[in-house]
Protein backbone atom coordinates (compact mmCIF):
# COMPACT_ATOMS: atom_id res chain seq x y z
CA UNK A 1 -0.05 0.01 0.24
CA UNK A 2 2.93 2.08 0.05
CA UNK A 3 2.80 3.03 -3.80
CA UNK A 4 -0.08 4.99 -2.82
CA UNK A 5 1.58 7.42 -1.08
CA UNK A 6 3.95 8.01 -4.10
CA UNK A 7 3.45 11.32 -6.29
CA UNK A 8 3.13 8.93 -9.52
CA UNK A 9 0.04 7.40 -8.15
CA UNK A 10 -1.58 10.30 -7.92
CA UNK A 11 -3.03 10.63 -11.56
CA UNK A 12 -4.17 7.09 -11.07
CA UNK A 13 -6.32 7.76 -7.93
CA UNK A 14 -7.72 10.84 -9.57
CA UNK A 15 -8.49 8.96 -12.35
CA UNK A 16 -10.06 6.18 -10.13
CA UNK A 17 -12.13 8.43 -8.37
CA UNK A 18 -13.26 10.36 -11.49
CA UNK A 19 -14.55 7.34 -12.73
CA UNK A 20 -15.93 5.50 -9.58
CA UNK A 21 -17.82 9.13 -9.42
CA UNK A 22 -19.29 9.41 -12.74
CA UNK A 23 -20.49 6.49 -12.85
CA UNK A 24 -22.01 5.92 -9.55
CA UNK A 25 -24.00 9.27 -10.62
CA UNK A 26 -24.86 8.27 -14.10
CA UNK A 27 -26.26 5.32 -12.41
CA UNK A 28 -28.08 7.10 -9.67
CA UNK A 29 -30.01 9.05 -13.06
CA UNK A 30 -30.45 5.67 -14.85
CA UNK A 31 -32.26 4.11 -11.46
CA UNK A 32 -34.94 7.04 -11.90
CA UNK A 33 -36.02 5.32 -15.27
CA UNK A 34 -36.38 2.38 -13.86
CA UNK A 35 -39.41 0.53 -11.65
CA UNK A 36 -39.07 -2.50 -8.71
CA UNK A 37 -36.29 -4.36 -8.42
CA UNK A 38 -34.44 -3.03 -11.09
CA UNK A 39 -34.50 0.35 -10.27
CA UNK A 40 -33.08 -1.10 -6.43
CA UNK A 41 -30.69 -3.15 -8.35
CA UNK A 42 -29.23 0.07 -10.09
CA UNK A 43 -29.55 2.29 -6.93
CA UNK A 44 -27.43 0.10 -4.96
CA UNK A 45 -24.45 -0.40 -7.42
CA UNK A 46 -24.84 3.26 -7.99
CA UNK A 47 -24.33 4.15 -4.24
CA UNK A 48 -21.75 1.37 -4.09
CA UNK A 49 -19.39 3.08 -6.67
CA UNK A 50 -19.99 6.09 -5.30
CA UNK A 51 -18.70 4.82 -1.84
CA UNK A 52 -15.64 3.32 -3.73
CA UNK A 53 -15.17 6.87 -5.31
CA UNK A 54 -15.32 8.29 -1.53
CA UNK A 55 -12.35 5.84 -0.36
CA UNK A 56 -10.45 6.55 -3.10
CA UNK A 57 -10.53 10.27 -2.48
CA UNK A 58 -9.57 9.75 0.97
CA UNK A 59 -6.48 7.50 -0.11
CA UNK A 60 -5.64 10.26 -2.76
CA UNK A 61 -5.64 12.93 -0.09
CA UNK A 62 -3.01 10.95 2.12
CA UNK A 63 0.49 12.99 1.75
CA UNK A 64 -1.03 15.26 -0.74
CA UNK A 65 -1.87 18.78 -1.06
CA UNK A 66 -5.71 19.46 -0.51
CA UNK A 67 -6.48 22.24 -2.73
CA UNK A 68 -4.83 20.20 -5.63
CA UNK A 69 -6.59 16.92 -5.11
CA UNK A 70 -9.93 18.35 -4.44
CA UNK A 71 -9.38 20.43 -7.46
CA UNK A 72 -8.57 17.60 -9.91
CA UNK A 73 -11.07 15.15 -8.27
CA UNK A 74 -14.32 17.09 -7.65
CA UNK A 75 -13.43 19.70 -10.59
CA UNK A 76 -12.49 17.16 -12.90
CA UNK A 77 -15.42 14.51 -12.32
CA UNK A 78 -17.83 17.55 -12.71
CA UNK A 79 -16.54 17.88 -16.10
CA UNK A 80 -16.25 14.47 -17.02
CA UNK A 81 -19.96 14.02 -15.65
CA UNK A 82 -21.96 16.96 -17.34
CA UNK A 83 -19.58 15.70 -20.88
CA UNK A 84 -21.09 12.19 -20.35
CA UNK A 85 -24.52 13.11 -19.33
CA UNK A 86 -24.61 15.25 -23.06
CA UNK A 87 -23.36 12.09 -24.48
CA UNK A 88 -25.39 9.33 -22.65
CA UNK A 89 -28.97 11.12 -21.93
CA UNK A 90 -28.42 13.71 -25.25
CA UNK A 91 -29.02 16.10 -22.45
CA UNK A 92 -28.63 19.83 -24.37
CA UNK A 93 -25.85 22.51 -23.03
CA UNK A 94 -26.01 25.96 -23.66
CA UNK A 95 -23.19 28.43 -24.72
CA UNK A 96 -23.12 29.42 -20.84
CA UNK A 97 -23.26 25.78 -19.71
CA UNK A 98 -20.10 25.30 -22.31
CA UNK A 99 -18.41 28.30 -21.04
CA UNK A 100 -18.44 27.04 -17.18
CA UNK A 101 -17.35 23.63 -17.99
CA UNK A 102 -14.59 25.05 -19.94
CA UNK A 103 -13.75 27.63 -17.13
CA UNK A 104 -13.92 24.47 -14.41
CA UNK A 105 -11.11 22.82 -16.56
CA UNK A 106 -9.20 25.97 -17.07
CA UNK A 107 -9.03 26.61 -13.01
CA UNK A 108 -8.20 22.89 -12.82
CA UNK A 109 -5.30 23.39 -14.85
CA UNK A 110 -4.33 26.65 -13.26
CA UNK A 111 -4.08 25.11 -9.48
CA UNK A 112 -1.98 22.25 -11.05
CA UNK A 113 0.54 24.53 -12.81
CA UNK A 114 0.89 26.91 -9.49
CA UNK A 115 1.28 23.68 -7.28
CA UNK A 116 4.20 22.67 -9.00
C-alpha cells in the first residue's frame, strides 16, 4: 500500500475517483428511469460506486496537497459528468454551460500548474 503515497500514483487515483464518481452519478440517474427491483439494483450499484469513490478520495488525500486533490477530483469529475450526461442522455448544453465547463477545466489546470 506504500505505492499510494508516491507522487506518481496521484494521476491513477484521481482517474479512478473520477470514474467511480461519474459512474455512480450516472447510475443514480438511470435508476430513476426504472421501477421495482431493477431500480433498486441500479440504485444500490450506483451508491456502491459512490462509496468506492469516497474511499479513493480519502486515499488520494493522504500525503498530498488537499487543494490540488479536491480541484482535480471534484472539478475534473464535474466536467466529465457533464460531458457524459450530454453523450448518454442527450442533455443539451447552452453556450453558457459550455463556457462554465471550460472555465472549471481551466481552473483545475491553473491550480495544477501553480502547485508545481
